[in-house]
C-alpha atoms as a PDB file:
ATOM      1  CA  UNK A   1     -16.134  96.231 146.355  1.00  0.00           C
ATOM      2  CA  UNK A   2     -19.043  96.080 144.579  1.00  0.00           C
ATOM      3  CA  UNK A   3     -21.925  98.245 143.847  1.00  0.00           C
ATOM      4  CA  UNK A   4     -25.226  96.873 144.152  1.00  0.00           C
ATOM      5  CA  UNK A   5     -27.700  98.761 141.772  1.00  0.00           C
ATOM      6  CA  UNK A   6     -31.160  98.793 142.954  1.00  0.00           C
ATOM      7  CA  UNK A   7     -33.693  98.068 140.181  1.00  0.00           C
ATOM      8  CA  UNK A   8     -36.627  99.974 140.330  1.00  0.00           C
ATOM      9  CA  UNK A   9     -40.433  99.752 139.055  1.00  0.00           C
ATOM     10  CA  UNK A  10     -40.535 101.422 135.973  1.00  0.00           C
ATOM     11  CA  UNK A  11     -44.047  99.518 135.019  1.00  0.00           C
ATOM     12  CA  UNK A  12     -47.503 101.070 135.762  1.00  0.00           C
ATOM     13  CA  UNK A  13     -49.026  99.276 138.639  1.00  0.00           C
ATOM     14  CA  UNK A  14     -51.242  96.742 136.636  1.00  0.00           C
ATOM     15  CA  UNK A  15     -48.262  95.016 135.205  1.00  0.00           C
ATOM     16  CA  UNK A  16     -48.410  91.564 136.985  1.00  0.00           C
ATOM     17  CA  UNK A  17     -45.284  89.398 138.422  1.00  0.00           C
ATOM     18  CA  UNK A  18     -43.047  88.396 135.285  1.00  0.00           C
ATOM     19  CA  UNK A  19     -41.042  91.102 135.020  1.00  0.00           C
ATOM     20  CA  UNK A  20     -40.034  90.608 138.533  1.00  0.00           C
ATOM     21  CA  UNK A  21     -39.480  87.120 138.283  1.00  0.00           C
ATOM     22  CA  UNK A  22     -37.833  87.691 134.791  1.00  0.00           C
ATOM     23  CA  UNK A  23     -35.377  89.812 136.489  1.00  0.00           C
ATOM     24  CA  UNK A  24     -34.612  87.189 139.371  1.00  0.00           C
ATOM     25  CA  UNK A  25     -33.943  84.727 136.878  1.00  0.00           C
ATOM     26  CA  UNK A  26     -31.458  87.164 135.341  1.00  0.00           C
ATOM     27  CA  UNK A  27     -30.212  87.680 138.716  1.00  0.00           C
ATOM     28  CA  UNK A  28     -29.484  84.180 138.984  1.00  0.00           C
ATOM     29  CA  UNK A  29     -28.088  83.881 135.359  1.00  0.00           C
ATOM     30  CA  UNK A  30     -25.532  86.005 136.509  1.00  0.00           C
ATOM     31  CA  UNK A  31     -26.271  89.176 134.613  1.00  0.00           C
ATOM     32  CA  UNK A  32     -25.188  92.346 135.932  1.00  0.00           C
ATOM     33  CA  UNK A  33     -27.298  94.878 137.665  1.00  0.00           C
ATOM     34  CA  UNK A  34     -26.828  97.588 135.080  1.00  0.00           C
ATOM     35  CA  UNK A  35     -28.338  95.064 132.500  1.00  0.00           C
ATOM     36  CA  UNK A  36     -30.882  93.506 134.657  1.00  0.00           C
ATOM     37  CA  UNK A  37     -31.800  97.583 134.821  1.00  0.00           C
ATOM     38  CA  UNK A  38     -31.842  98.311 131.183  1.00  0.00           C
ATOM     39  CA  UNK A  39     -33.908  95.179 130.667  1.00  0.00           C
ATOM     40  CA  UNK A  40     -36.372  96.595 133.409  1.00  0.00           C
ATOM     41  CA  UNK A  41     -36.335  99.724 131.865  1.00  0.00           C
ATOM     42  CA  UNK A  42     -37.107  99.101 128.437  1.00  0.00           C
ATOM     43  CA  UNK A  43     -39.926  96.570 129.422  1.00  0.00           C
ATOM     44  CA  UNK A  44     -41.948  99.740 131.238  1.00  0.00           C
ATOM     45  CA  UNK A  45     -41.590 101.386 127.982  1.00  0.00           C
ATOM     46  CA  UNK A  46     -43.123  98.923 126.138  1.00  0.00           C
ATOM     47  CA  UNK A  47     -45.561  98.892 128.777  1.00  0.00           C
ATOM     48  CA  UNK A  48     -46.627 101.970 128.198  1.00  0.00           C
ATOM     49  CA  UNK A  49     -46.298 102.384 124.851  1.00  0.00           C
ATOM     50  CA  UNK A  50     -49.057  98.892 124.401  1.00  0.00           C
ATOM     51  CA  UNK A  51     -51.336 100.373 127.319  1.00  0.00           C
ATOM     52  CA  UNK A  52     -54.056  99.161 128.367  1.00  0.00           C
ATOM     53  CA  UNK A  53     -52.533  95.877 126.720  1.00  0.00           C
ATOM     54  CA  UNK A  54     -51.108  93.973 129.161  1.00  0.00           C
ATOM     55  CA  UNK A  55     -47.458  93.525 128.843  1.00  0.00           C
ATOM     56  CA  UNK A  56     -47.318  89.795 128.898  1.00  0.00           C
ATOM     57  CA  UNK A  57     -50.216  89.896 126.066  1.00  0.00           C
ATOM     58  CA  UNK A  58     -48.087  92.193 124.004  1.00  0.00           C
ATOM     59  CA  UNK A  59     -48.716  90.669 119.975  1.00  0.00           C
ATOM     60  CA  UNK A  60     -46.148  90.914 117.147  1.00  0.00           C
ATOM     61  CA  UNK A  61     -47.887  93.860 115.759  1.00  0.00           C
ATOM     62  CA  UNK A  62     -47.366  95.728 118.698  1.00  0.00           C
ATOM     63  CA  UNK A  63     -44.001  94.841 119.341  1.00  0.00           C
ATOM     64  CA  UNK A  64     -43.128  95.708 115.726  1.00  0.00           C
ATOM     65  CA  UNK A  65     -44.756  99.246 116.131  1.00  0.00           C
ATOM     66  CA  UNK A  66     -42.705  99.692 119.292  1.00  0.00           C
ATOM     67  CA  UNK A  67     -39.659  98.909 117.686  1.00  0.00           C
ATOM     68  CA  UNK A  68     -40.234 101.334 114.722  1.00  0.00           C
ATOM     69  CA  UNK A  69     -41.504 104.211 117.159  1.00  0.00           C
ATOM     70  CA  UNK A  70     -39.370 107.678 116.870  1.00  0.00           C
ATOM     71  CA  UNK A  71     -37.581 109.397 119.948  1.00  0.00           C
ATOM     72  CA  UNK A  72     -39.032 112.468 121.453  1.00  0.00           C
ATOM     73  CA  UNK A  73     -37.239 114.751 119.234  1.00  0.00           C
ATOM     74  CA  UNK A  74     -38.815 113.033 116.420  1.00  0.00           C
ATOM     75  CA  UNK A  75     -35.602 111.213 114.811  1.00  0.00           C
ATOM     76  CA  UNK A  76     -35.744 107.522 114.410  1.00  0.00           C
ATOM     77  CA  UNK A  77     -34.051 105.152 116.448  1.00  0.00           C
ATOM     78  CA  UNK A  78     -30.961 104.248 115.292  1.00  0.00           C
ATOM     79  CA  UNK A  79     -30.220 100.478 113.788  1.00  0.00           C
ATOM     80  CA  UNK A  80     -27.831  99.878 116.751  1.00  0.00           C
ATOM     81  CA  UNK A  81     -30.678 100.725 119.359  1.00  0.00           C
ATOM     82  CA  UNK A  82     -33.562  98.798 117.506  1.00  0.00           C
ATOM     83  CA  UNK A  83     -31.378  95.607 117.218  1.00  0.00           C
ATOM     84  CA  UNK A  84     -30.174  95.677 120.921  1.00  0.00           C
ATOM     85  CA  UNK A  85     -34.549  96.209 122.134  1.00  0.00           C
ATOM     86  CA  UNK A  86     -35.096  93.766 119.737  1.00  0.00           C
ATOM     87  CA  UNK A  87     -32.905  91.170 121.246  1.00  0.00           C
ATOM     88  CA  UNK A  88     -33.900  92.171 124.699  1.00  0.00           C
ATOM     89  CA  UNK A  89     -37.549  91.895 123.908  1.00  0.00           C
ATOM     90  CA  UNK A  90     -36.589  87.910 122.280  1.00  0.00           C
ATOM     91  CA  UNK A  91     -35.135  87.514 125.398  1.00  0.00           C
ATOM     92  CA  UNK A  92     -38.450  88.110 127.938  1.00  0.00           C
ATOM     93  CA  UNK A  93     -41.219  86.864 125.436  1.00  0.00           C
ATOM     94  CA  UNK A  94     -38.649  83.858 125.004  1.00  0.00           C
ATOM     95  CA  UNK A  95     -38.685  83.355 128.708  1.00  0.00           C
ATOM     96  CA  UNK A  96     -42.355  83.870 129.159  1.00  0.00           C
ATOM     97  CA  UNK A  97     -42.835  80.996 126.603  1.00  0.00           C
ATOM     98  CA  UNK A  98     -40.357  78.673 128.063  1.00  0.00           C
ATOM     99  CA  UNK A  99     -41.709  78.764 131.773  1.00  0.00           C
ATOM    100  CA  UNK A 100     -45.368  78.303 130.549  1.00  0.00           C
ATOM    101  CA  UNK A 101     -46.389  81.825 131.312  1.00  0.00           C
ATOM    102  CA  UNK A 102     -47.564  82.418 127.584  1.00  0.00           C
ATOM    103  CA  UNK A 103     -48.747  79.864 125.091  1.00  0.00           C
ATOM    104  CA  UNK A 104     -46.839  81.707 122.194  1.00  0.00           C
ATOM    105  CA  UNK A 105     -43.980  83.613 121.548  1.00  0.00           C
ATOM    106  CA  UNK A 106     -44.725  86.960 119.659  1.00  0.00           C
ATOM    107  CA  UNK A 107     -41.269  87.383 118.913  1.00  0.00           C
ATOM    108  CA  UNK A 108     -40.406  84.030 116.909  1.00  0.00           C
ATOM    109  CA  UNK A 109     -41.305  85.916 113.696  1.00  0.00           C
ATOM    110  CA  UNK A 110     -40.490  89.242 114.198  1.00  0.00           C
ATOM    111  CA  UNK A 111     -37.398  90.716 112.160  1.00  0.00           C
ATOM    112  CA  UNK A 112     -33.768  90.428 113.542  1.00  0.00           C
ATOM    113  CA  UNK A 113     -32.432  94.138 112.781  1.00  0.00           C
ATOM    114  CA  UNK A 114     -28.996  93.975 111.684  1.00  0.00           C
ATOM    115  CA  UNK A 115     -26.461  95.307 113.982  1.00  0.00           C
ATOM    116  CA  UNK A 116     -24.883  98.170 111.598  1.00  0.00           C
ATOM    117  CA  UNK A 117     -21.447  97.708 111.269  1.00  0.00           C
ATOM    118  CA  UNK A 118     -19.454 100.511 113.689  1.00  0.00           C
ATOM    119  CA  UNK A 119     -16.401 102.635 112.109  1.00  0.00           C
ATOM    120  CA  UNK A 120     -13.573 103.049 114.503  1.00  0.00           C
ATOM    121  CA  UNK A 121     -13.488 106.685 115.404  1.00  0.00           C
ATOM    122  CA  UNK A 122      -9.895 107.597 117.447  1.00  0.00           C
ATOM    123  CA  UNK A 123      -9.219 110.972 118.632  1.00  0.00           C
ATOM    124  CA  UNK A 124      -6.451 112.839 116.152  1.00  0.00           C
ATOM    125  CA  UNK A 125      -2.894 112.822 117.850  1.00  0.00           C
ATOM    126  CA  UNK A 126      -3.074 116.399 117.726  1.00  0.00           C
ATOM    127  CA  UNK A 127      -6.451 116.975 119.281  1.00  0.00           C
ATOM    128  CA  UNK A 128      -5.340 114.209 122.149  1.00  0.00           C
ATOM    129  CA  UNK A 129      -1.887 116.248 122.855  1.00  0.00           C
ATOM    130  CA  UNK A 130      -3.860 119.901 123.305  1.00  0.00           C
ATOM    131  CA  UNK A 131      -6.355 118.179 125.356  1.00  0.00           C
ATOM    132  CA  UNK A 132      -4.221 116.449 127.601  1.00  0.00           C
ATOM    133  CA  UNK A 133      -1.936 119.715 127.961  1.00  0.00           C
ATOM    134  CA  UNK A 134      -4.732 121.873 128.959  1.00  0.00           C
ATOM    135  CA  UNK A 135      -6.861 119.379 131.394  1.00  0.00           C
ATOM    136  CA  UNK A 136      -6.791 119.778 135.122  1.00  0.00           C
ATOM    137  CA  UNK A 137      -5.275 117.092 137.045  1.00  0.00           C
ATOM    138  CA  UNK A 138      -8.284 114.529 137.194  1.00  0.00           C
ATOM    139  CA  UNK A 139      -9.609 115.473 133.423  1.00  0.00           C
ATOM    140  CA  UNK A 140      -5.560 114.254 132.628  1.00  0.00           C
ATOM    141  CA  UNK A 141      -5.844 111.031 134.422  1.00  0.00           C
ATOM    142  CA  UNK A 142      -9.046 110.497 132.618  1.00  0.00           C
ATOM    143  CA  UNK A 143      -7.507 111.060 129.082  1.00  0.00           C
ATOM    144  CA  UNK A 144      -4.752 109.293 130.020  1.00  0.00           C
ATOM    145  CA  UNK A 145      -6.380 106.090 131.128  1.00  0.00           C
ATOM    146  CA  UNK A 146      -8.467 106.239 128.205  1.00  0.00           C
ATOM    147  CA  UNK A 147      -6.127 106.563 125.693  1.00  0.00           C
ATOM    148  CA  UNK A 148      -3.164 104.748 127.122  1.00  0.00           C
ATOM    149  CA  UNK A 149      -4.579 102.263 129.175  1.00  0.00           C
ATOM    150  CA  UNK A 150      -7.840 101.669 127.201  1.00  0.00           C
ATOM    151  CA  UNK A 151     -10.163 101.936 130.155  1.00  0.00           C
ATOM    152  CA  UNK A 152     -13.930 102.792 129.529  1.00  0.00           C
ATOM    153  CA  UNK A 153     -15.799 105.353 131.121  1.00  0.00           C
ATOM    154  CA  UNK A 154     -17.279 102.666 133.812  1.00  0.00           C
ATOM    155  CA  UNK A 155     -13.682 101.355 134.469  1.00  0.00           C
ATOM    156  CA  UNK A 156     -12.220 104.671 134.858  1.00  0.00           C
ATOM    157  CA  UNK A 157     -14.943 105.597 137.588  1.00  0.00           C
ATOM    158  CA  UNK A 158     -14.853 102.095 139.430  1.00  0.00           C
ATOM    159  CA  UNK A 159     -10.649 102.545 139.504  1.00  0.00           C
ATOM    160  CA  UNK A 160      -9.853 101.464 142.989  1.00  0.00           C
ATOM    161  CA  UNK A 161      -6.150 102.667 144.702  1.00  0.00           C
ATOM    162  CA  UNK A 162      -5.250  99.017 145.827  1.00  0.00           C
ATOM    163  CA  UNK A 163      -5.981  97.947 141.939  1.00  0.00           C
ATOM    164  CA  UNK A 164      -3.021 100.426 140.559  1.00  0.00           C
ATOM    165  CA  UNK A 165      -0.307  98.652 141.150  1.00  0.00           C
ATOM    166  CA  UNK A 166       3.001 101.101 140.858  1.00  0.00           C
ATOM    167  CA  UNK A 167       5.821  99.110 141.208  1.00  0.00           C
ATOM    168  CA  UNK A 168       4.518  96.526 138.439  1.00  0.00           C
ATOM    169  CA  UNK A 169       2.817  99.084 135.720  1.00  0.00           C
ATOM    170  CA  UNK A 170      -0.118  97.111 136.057  1.00  0.00           C
ATOM    171  CA  UNK A 171      -3.627  98.156 136.505  1.00  0.00           C
ATOM    172  CA  UNK A 172      -6.016  95.855 137.806  1.00  0.00           C
ATOM    173  CA  UNK A 173      -9.862  96.130 136.276  1.00  0.00           C
ATOM    174  CA  UNK A 174     -11.888  94.450 139.031  1.00  0.00           C
ATOM    175  CA  UNK A 175     -15.020  94.517 137.086  1.00  0.00           C
ATOM    176  CA  UNK A 176     -15.204  95.414 133.495  1.00  0.00           C
ATOM    177  CA  UNK A 177     -17.421  94.763 130.581  1.00  0.00           C
ATOM    178  CA  UNK A 178     -19.902  91.627 131.297  1.00  0.00           C
ATOM    179  CA  UNK A 179     -18.675  91.737 134.695  1.00  0.00           C
ATOM    180  CA  UNK A 180     -15.456  90.102 133.354  1.00  0.00           C
ATOM    181  CA  UNK A 181     -11.841  91.204 135.435  1.00  0.00           C
ATOM    182  CA  UNK A 182      -8.777  91.872 133.384  1.00  0.00           C
ATOM    183  CA  UNK A 183      -5.080  93.287 134.300  1.00  0.00           C
ATOM    184  CA  UNK A 184      -3.621  95.632 131.877  1.00  0.00           C
ATOM    185  CA  UNK A 185      -0.376  97.729 131.160  1.00  0.00           C
ATOM    186  CA  UNK A 186      -0.286 100.682 132.677  1.00  0.00           C
ATOM    187  CA  UNK A 187       1.840 103.459 130.315  1.00  0.00           C
ATOM    188  CA  UNK A 188       4.278 105.443 132.639  1.00  0.00           C
ATOM    189  CA  UNK A 189       2.461 108.857 131.720  1.00  0.00           C
ATOM    190  CA  UNK A 190      -0.706 107.171 133.052  1.00  0.00           C
ATOM    191  CA  UNK A 191       0.649 106.195 136.310  1.00  0.00           C
ATOM    192  CA  UNK A 192       2.290 109.859 136.914  1.00  0.00           C
ATOM    193  CA  UNK A 193      -1.263 111.452 135.630  1.00  0.00           C
ATOM    194  CA  UNK A 194      -2.444 109.125 138.721  1.00  0.00           C
ATOM    195  CA  UNK A 195       0.007 110.126 140.960  1.00  0.00           C
ATOM    196  CA  UNK A 196      -0.359 113.909 140.145  1.00  0.00           C
ATOM    197  CA  UNK A 197      -4.143 113.714 140.718  1.00  0.00           C
ATOM    198  CA  UNK A 198      -3.265 112.205 144.470  1.00  0.00           C
ATOM    199  CA  UNK A 199      -3.676 108.175 144.344  1.00  0.00           C
ATOM    200  CA  UNK A 200      -4.755 106.256 147.426  1.00  0.00           C
ATOM    201  CA  UNK A 201      -3.534 103.597 148.498  1.00  0.00           C
ATOM    202  CA  UNK A 202      -6.862 102.205 148.988  1.00  0.00           C
ATOM    203  CA  UNK A 203     -10.599 103.431 148.083  1.00  0.00           C
ATOM    204  CA  UNK A 204     -11.884 104.867 144.869  1.00  0.00           C
ATOM    205  CA  UNK A 205      -9.646 106.830 143.356  1.00  0.00           C
ATOM    206  CA  UNK A 206     -12.366 109.570 141.744  1.00  0.00           C
ATOM    207  CA  UNK A 207     -14.690 109.300 144.164  1.00  0.00           C
ATOM    208  CA  UNK A 208     -18.366 110.555 144.160  1.00  0.00           C
ATOM    209  CA  UNK A 209     -18.633 114.834 144.431  1.00  0.00           C
ATOM    210  CA  UNK A 210     -20.646 114.548 147.504  1.00  0.00           C
ATOM    211  CA  UNK A 211     -20.769 110.838 148.535  1.00  0.00           C
ATOM    212  CA  UNK A 212     -17.161 110.184 149.279  1.00  0.00           C
ATOM    213  CA  UNK A 213     -17.545 106.473 149.775  1.00  0.00           C
ATOM    214  CA  UNK A 214     -19.416 105.870 146.415  1.00  0.00           C
ATOM    215  CA  UNK A 215     -17.152 106.141 143.146  1.00  0.00           C
ATOM    216  CA  UNK A 216     -18.246 108.979 140.484  1.00  0.00           C
ATOM    217  CA  UNK A 217     -20.814 107.823 138.457  1.00  0.00           C
ATOM    218  CA  UNK A 218     -19.986 106.185 134.996  1.00  0.00           C
ATOM    219  CA  UNK A 219     -21.935 108.567 132.984  1.00  0.00           C
ATOM    220  CA  UNK A 220     -20.450 111.521 134.852  1.00  0.00           C
ATOM    221  CA  UNK A 221     -16.912 111.165 133.567  1.00  0.00           C
ATOM    222  CA  UNK A 222     -18.385 110.290 130.031  1.00  0.00           C
ATOM    223  CA  UNK A 223     -20.110 113.621 130.270  1.00  0.00           C
ATOM    224  CA  UNK A 224     -17.797 115.600 131.954  1.00  0.00           C
ATOM    225  CA  UNK A 225     -14.930 114.540 129.627  1.00  0.00           C
ATOM    226  CA  UNK A 226     -17.534 115.213 126.808  1.00  0.00           C
ATOM    227  CA  UNK A 227     -17.861 118.868 127.846  1.00  0.00           C
ATOM    228  CA  UNK A 228     -14.405 119.341 128.354  1.00  0.00           C
ATOM    229  CA  UNK A 229     -13.201 118.167 124.883  1.00  0.00           C
ATOM    230  CA  UNK A 230     -16.103 120.379 123.283  1.00  0.00           C
ATOM    231  CA  UNK A 231     -15.067 123.211 125.510  1.00  0.00           C
ATOM    232  CA  UNK A 232     -11.702 122.620 124.035  1.00  0.00           C
ATOM    233  CA  UNK A 233     -12.801 122.634 120.372  1.00  0.00           C
ATOM    234  CA  UNK A 234     -12.512 118.745 119.800  1.00  0.00           C
ATOM    235  CA  UNK A 235     -15.542 117.029 118.529  1.00  0.00           C
ATOM    236  CA  UNK A 236     -14.819 113.617 120.338  1.00  0.00           C
ATOM    237  CA  UNK A 237     -15.846 111.718 123.339  1.00  0.00           C
ATOM    238  CA  UNK A 238     -13.965 109.627 126.032  1.00  0.00           C
ATOM    239  CA  UNK A 239     -14.767 106.266 123.992  1.00  0.00           C
ATOM    240  CA  UNK A 240     -13.177 107.665 121.212  1.00  0.00           C
ATOM    241  CA  UNK A 241      -9.823 107.625 123.059  1.00  0.00           C
ATOM    242  CA  UNK A 242     -10.242 103.916 123.961  1.00  0.00           C
ATOM    243  CA  UNK A 243     -10.534 103.743 120.049  1.00  0.00           C
ATOM    244  CA  UNK A 244      -7.438 105.516 119.494  1.00  0.00           C
ATOM    245  CA  UNK A 245      -5.582 103.316 121.968  1.00  0.00           C
ATOM    246  CA  UNK A 246      -6.908  99.881 120.189  1.00  0.00           C
ATOM    247  CA  UNK A 247      -5.838 101.399 116.851  1.00  0.00           C
ATOM    248  CA  UNK A 248      -2.220 102.124 118.250  1.00  0.00           C
ATOM    249  CA  UNK A 249      -1.879  98.769 119.655  1.00  0.00           C
ATOM    250  CA  UNK A 250      -2.992  97.329 116.948  1.00  0.00           C
ATOM    251  CA  UNK A 251      -0.490  99.080 114.605  1.00  0.00           C
ATOM    252  CA  UNK A 252       2.212  98.913 117.350  1.00  0.00           C
ATOM    253  CA  UNK A 253       2.204  95.225 117.281  1.00  0.00           C
ATOM    254  CA  UNK A 254       2.672  94.497 114.207  1.00  0.00           C
ATOM    255  CA  UNK A 255      -1.356  94.249 113.558  1.00  0.00           C
ATOM    256  CA  UNK A 256      -1.643  91.671 115.964  1.00  0.00           C
ATOM    257  CA  UNK A 257      -5.190  90.779 116.634  1.00  0.00           C
ATOM    258  CA  UNK A 258      -4.799  88.757 119.211  1.00  0.00           C
ATOM    259  CA  UNK A 259      -2.581  91.094 121.799  1.00  0.00           C
ATOM    260  CA  UNK A 260      -4.811  94.034 120.612  1.00  0.00           C
ATOM    261  CA  UNK A 261      -8.137  91.991 121.917  1.00  0.00           C
ATOM    262  CA  UNK A 262      -6.062  91.258 125.151  1.00  0.00           C
ATOM    263  CA  UNK A 263      -5.230  94.411 125.579  1.00  0.00           C
ATOM    264  CA  UNK A 264      -9.295  95.649 125.157  1.00  0.00           C
ATOM    265  CA  UNK A 265     -10.203  93.010 126.822  1.00  0.00           C
ATOM    266  CA  UNK A 266     -12.985  91.874 124.172  1.00  0.00           C
ATOM    267  CA  UNK A 267     -14.159  88.023 124.514  1.00  0.00           C
ATOM    268  CA  UNK A 268     -13.945  87.808 120.787  1.00  0.00           C
ATOM    269  CA  UNK A 269     -11.775  88.895 118.103  1.00  0.00           C
ATOM    270  CA  UNK A 270     -14.509  90.043 116.432  1.00  0.00           C
ATOM    271  CA  UNK A 271     -15.415  92.795 119.009  1.00  0.00           C
ATOM    272  CA  UNK A 272     -11.603  93.857 118.352  1.00  0.00           C
ATOM    273  CA  UNK A 273     -12.055  94.051 114.330  1.00  0.00           C
ATOM    274  CA  UNK A 274     -14.261  96.829 114.858  1.00  0.00           C
ATOM    275  CA  UNK A 275     -11.527  99.029 116.524  1.00  0.00           C
ATOM    276  CA  UNK A 276      -8.404  98.381 113.924  1.00  0.00           C
ATOM    277  CA  UNK A 277      -8.252 101.129 111.218  1.00  0.00           C
ATOM    278  CA  UNK A 278      -6.417 100.659 108.304  1.00  0.00           C
ATOM    279  CA  UNK A 279      -4.328 103.864 107.242  1.00  0.00           C
ATOM    280  CA  UNK A 280      -5.002 104.567 103.643  1.00  0.00           C
ATOM    281  CA  UNK A 281      -1.701 104.759 102.620  1.00  0.00           C
ATOM    282  CA  UNK A 282      -0.980 101.305 103.463  1.00  0.00           C
ATOM    283  CA  UNK A 283      -4.107 100.320 102.090  1.00  0.00           C
ATOM    284  CA  UNK A 284      -3.266 101.972  98.332  1.00  0.00           C
ATOM    285  CA  UNK A 285       0.500 100.278  98.900  1.00  0.00           C
ATOM    286  CA  UNK A 286      -1.346  97.171  98.742  1.00  0.00           C
ATOM    287  CA  UNK A 287      -3.486  97.666  96.187  1.00  0.00           C
ATOM    288  CA  UNK A 288      -0.670  99.061  94.083  1.00  0.00           C
ATOM    289  CA  UNK A 289       1.360  95.918  94.752  1.00  0.00           C
ATOM    290  CA  UNK A 290      -1.298  93.978  92.908  1.00  0.00           C
END
């Protein structure tokens, strides 16, 4: 069952119809609603930043100034945020140019911010064990889904009872990151936690608190889990439990990157590589053996 995300108008009234047409083309190309929503929000933010200049008339200097802006707290944007926003701006203004809505492309010579190399941040095993031991039934299910099956917060929120195959020890991911479906093995402790929570035969496993015909929001899973971990004195996020799953699978599979990639449901092994963690003891042993 798909949830259609309504894209709201995030732009000043004077903005022309180009953004709507661009988003329509994105939908036709198969981009997910959440991605289109993020693009729409970013373009609205840019439109307000360069006002009274029309969005379609933005200059390279204005785009550079926008990417170098600070957050509300005065801190600069992270390099990862800049890289992502620059990519989205190139998409929009490239589309304007290709479709004849603009004679030039102001992003053509705009520097391409490098994506920073991310390091894995798996939660420590003692912290994980304590968090699971102290959690209520729902939180325990969330933690185990992330740590022992590698589910993302969005995938936890969208989990449905009919997609948990108890007899086969499998969980079907109807729509993962990028809209890709997948099937993952379910650890026995995960299935037990889901049963303890009250796994339905069909429908949302974790329904919205007030709208029971809708799932809980992904951001709510993420925030509630982070708040819970913080209350346990653990400085971690639920995504770090997915990091733990990735590093554990990589090590127990004999450092099989392909198997790890499949279980994480990554499109390429390049995405998987950031989750693999080299034990310092192993690294020292390798160097000493030279």
